[in-house]
């Protein structure tokens, strides 16, 4: 994540990350806006700014506004 953001010239605080499992927690904690999408890991909603339990990613589009 850090390598990609640095390569694109994007600050961590300006990034949005979406994840669902334990392996996504560290990524979500490092960005400015973290989204748990149908989380399968109990701690993920705790470290996320938004939690969506839906069948579509459409609600995530509203997070960027």
C-alpha atoms as a PDB file:
ATOM      1  CA  UNK A   1       0.000   0.000   0.000  1.00  0.00           C
ATOM      2  CA  UNK A   2       2.723   2.444   0.967  1.00  0.00           C
ATOM      3  CA  UNK A   3       4.672   1.766  -2.223  1.00  0.00           C
ATOM      4  CA  UNK A   4       1.604   2.278  -4.423  1.00  0.00           C
ATOM      5  CA  UNK A   5       0.536   5.478  -2.684  1.00  0.00           C
ATOM      6  CA  UNK A   6       4.048   6.900  -2.767  1.00  0.00           C
ATOM      7  CA  UNK A   7       4.377   6.040  -6.441  1.00  0.00           C
ATOM      8  CA  UNK A   8       1.152   7.880  -7.208  1.00  0.00           C
ATOM      9  CA  UNK A   9       1.998  10.817  -4.954  1.00  0.00           C
ATOM     10  CA  UNK A  10      -1.000  10.233  -2.705  1.00  0.00           C
ATOM     11  CA  UNK A  11      -0.776  10.778   1.041  1.00  0.00           C
ATOM     12  CA  UNK A  12      -2.032   7.985   3.298  1.00  0.00           C
ATOM     13  CA  UNK A  13      -4.490  10.434   4.827  1.00  0.00           C
ATOM     14  CA  UNK A  14      -6.068  11.017   1.405  1.00  0.00           C
ATOM     15  CA  UNK A  15      -6.561   7.326   0.618  1.00  0.00           C
ATOM     16  CA  UNK A  16      -9.608   5.108   1.065  1.00  0.00           C
ATOM     17  CA  UNK A  17      -9.180   1.391   1.687  1.00  0.00           C
ATOM     18  CA  UNK A  18     -11.892  -1.255   1.549  1.00  0.00           C
ATOM     19  CA  UNK A  19     -11.537  -4.690   3.070  1.00  0.00           C
ATOM     20  CA  UNK A  20     -13.392  -7.579   4.618  1.00  0.00           C
ATOM     21  CA  UNK A  21     -10.952  -9.725   6.560  1.00  0.00           C
ATOM     22  CA  UNK A  22      -8.205  -9.873   9.133  1.00  0.00           C
ATOM     23  CA  UNK A  23      -5.480  -9.290   6.546  1.00  0.00           C
ATOM     24  CA  UNK A  24      -7.105  -5.936   5.648  1.00  0.00           C
ATOM     25  CA  UNK A  25      -7.043  -4.459   9.162  1.00  0.00           C
ATOM     26  CA  UNK A  26      -3.526  -2.996   8.949  1.00  0.00           C
ATOM     27  CA  UNK A  27      -4.308  -1.423   5.562  1.00  0.00           C
ATOM     28  CA  UNK A  28      -7.536   0.132   6.843  1.00  0.00           C
ATOM     29  CA  UNK A  29      -5.776   1.478   9.923  1.00  0.00           C
ATOM     30  CA  UNK A  30      -3.147   3.277   7.807  1.00  0.00           C
ATOM     31  CA  UNK A  31      -5.370   5.259   5.475  1.00  0.00           C
ATOM     32  CA  UNK A  32      -7.453   8.348   6.017  1.00  0.00           C
ATOM     33  CA  UNK A  33     -10.747   6.522   5.463  1.00  0.00           C
ATOM     34  CA  UNK A  34     -11.217   2.840   6.146  1.00  0.00           C
ATOM     35  CA  UNK A  35     -14.229   0.858   4.996  1.00  0.00           C
ATOM     36  CA  UNK A  36     -15.236  -2.585   6.223  1.00  0.00           C
ATOM     37  CA  UNK A  37     -17.333  -4.292   3.551  1.00  0.00           C
ATOM     38  CA  UNK A  38     -19.247  -7.341   4.767  1.00  0.00           C
ATOM     39  CA  UNK A  39     -16.538  -7.881   7.380  1.00  0.00           C
ATOM     40  CA  UNK A  40     -15.622 -11.439   8.287  1.00  0.00           C
ATOM     41  CA  UNK A  41     -13.167 -10.363  10.998  1.00  0.00           C
ATOM     42  CA  UNK A  42     -14.715  -9.162  14.275  1.00  0.00           C
ATOM     43  CA  UNK A  43     -12.166  -6.358  14.848  1.00  0.00           C
ATOM     44  CA  UNK A  44     -12.438  -4.838  11.372  1.00  0.00           C
ATOM     45  CA  UNK A  45     -15.515  -2.683  12.111  1.00  0.00           C
ATOM     46  CA  UNK A  46     -13.695  -1.309  15.168  1.00  0.00           C
ATOM     47  CA  UNK A  47     -10.775   0.007  13.103  1.00  0.00           C
ATOM     48  CA  UNK A  48     -12.925   1.219  10.183  1.00  0.00           C
ATOM     49  CA  UNK A  49     -14.555   4.585   9.667  1.00  0.00           C
ATOM     50  CA  UNK A  50     -17.488   3.039   7.811  1.00  0.00           C
ATOM     51  CA  UNK A  51     -19.068  -0.410   7.836  1.00  0.00           C
ATOM     52  CA  UNK A  52     -21.304  -1.680   5.040  1.00  0.00           C
ATOM     53  CA  UNK A  53     -23.166  -4.977   5.123  1.00  0.00           C
ATOM     54  CA  UNK A  54     -24.703  -5.004   1.686  1.00  0.00           C
ATOM     55  CA  UNK A  55     -24.608  -6.996  -1.523  1.00  0.00           C
ATOM     56  CA  UNK A  56     -23.128  -4.112  -3.506  1.00  0.00           C
ATOM     57  CA  UNK A  57     -20.200  -1.722  -3.242  1.00  0.00           C
ATOM     58  CA  UNK A  58     -22.399   1.234  -4.250  1.00  0.00           C
ATOM     59  CA  UNK A  59     -22.515   2.713  -0.692  1.00  0.00           C
ATOM     60  CA  UNK A  60     -18.719   3.010  -0.771  1.00  0.00           C
ATOM     61  CA  UNK A  61     -19.018   5.639  -3.516  1.00  0.00           C
ATOM     62  CA  UNK A  62     -20.623   8.002  -0.993  1.00  0.00           C
ATOM     63  CA  UNK A  63     -17.628   7.754   1.331  1.00  0.00           C
ATOM     64  CA  UNK A  64     -15.409   9.709  -1.053  1.00  0.00           C
ATOM     65  CA  UNK A  65     -17.649  12.782  -1.006  1.00  0.00           C
END
